[in-house]
């Protein structure tokens, strides 16, 4: 009986030691939706890069840094600060995660917050946003969403010149405004230099709001004044089926308004009316249209 107890004890001891041996894995880091083996981990990571004249170019910081065998280095809670040749800060970028590439560039994914030296802020959600630490430009060739205070813009790519406070949202653009207005255009430029907030595109544009569909040949928006100008030939199709043809239509959205106005020739057509004029003031919310300047019409 004693021999049996000893034998069972030895077997259980062997099983326990074997379990320790075979369950000991390599170190792992948990990142969203996957677990990846890493070579090196550094907490409170910091890296400085200098040019040939020993002037600082940029600083890369992260809460955690992971180095892998075959994958780009991973930065968790990264912060990138870039500097000009005089040592003045150009911009700061922060995000939840990024990759540090062999080229010295940093590739951000997900939500990215950017603040330029002038205080202009950018908030972008990107599949990838590449920070070129040499030119200081930020580039993406994949879908991005740009968040402004009262506007959201989806695009097929972006090129941001942070040093100039200018950006281009590339490809097809879908703009959604706080008031529910939707705008479809292409290759939208946003200029925030000199404390302005100027959106513009020279491509065909469709503006949808309050039952009206407006087609134009371009768009120019002054976000600070709440003024939108639809450029070139403008065609308005109302929910009732009536149509208005004119040029250079201004839309006043300040103080919660939605007022269309133009000083150009206007042609209004409905089932019962055919009117020509020079000038128009259209209060969309009140559904009142005032045609001015030599009004000529025909009633059927």
Foldseek 3Di string as FASTA:
>chain_A
DVVVVVVVVVVVVVVVVVVVVVPDDADWDDDPPDIDHFDDKDAFDKDWDADPVRATAKMKTARMWTHHDPDFIKGAFIKMWGADRVRHTAKIKTDGMWGQDPVRKIKDAAWMWMAGPVGDIKIKHHRIWIQDSPQRKIKDQAWMWTDDPFKIKIAGMKIDPSNQQKMWRAAWIWMAGNVGKIKIWGGWIFGCPPNWTKIWDQAWMWIDDLQKIKTARMWIAGVVQQKIWGADWMWIQGNLRKIKTWGTWMFHCPPNFGKIKDQTWMWIDDPFKTKIAGMWIAGSVVRDIDGDHPMDMDTD
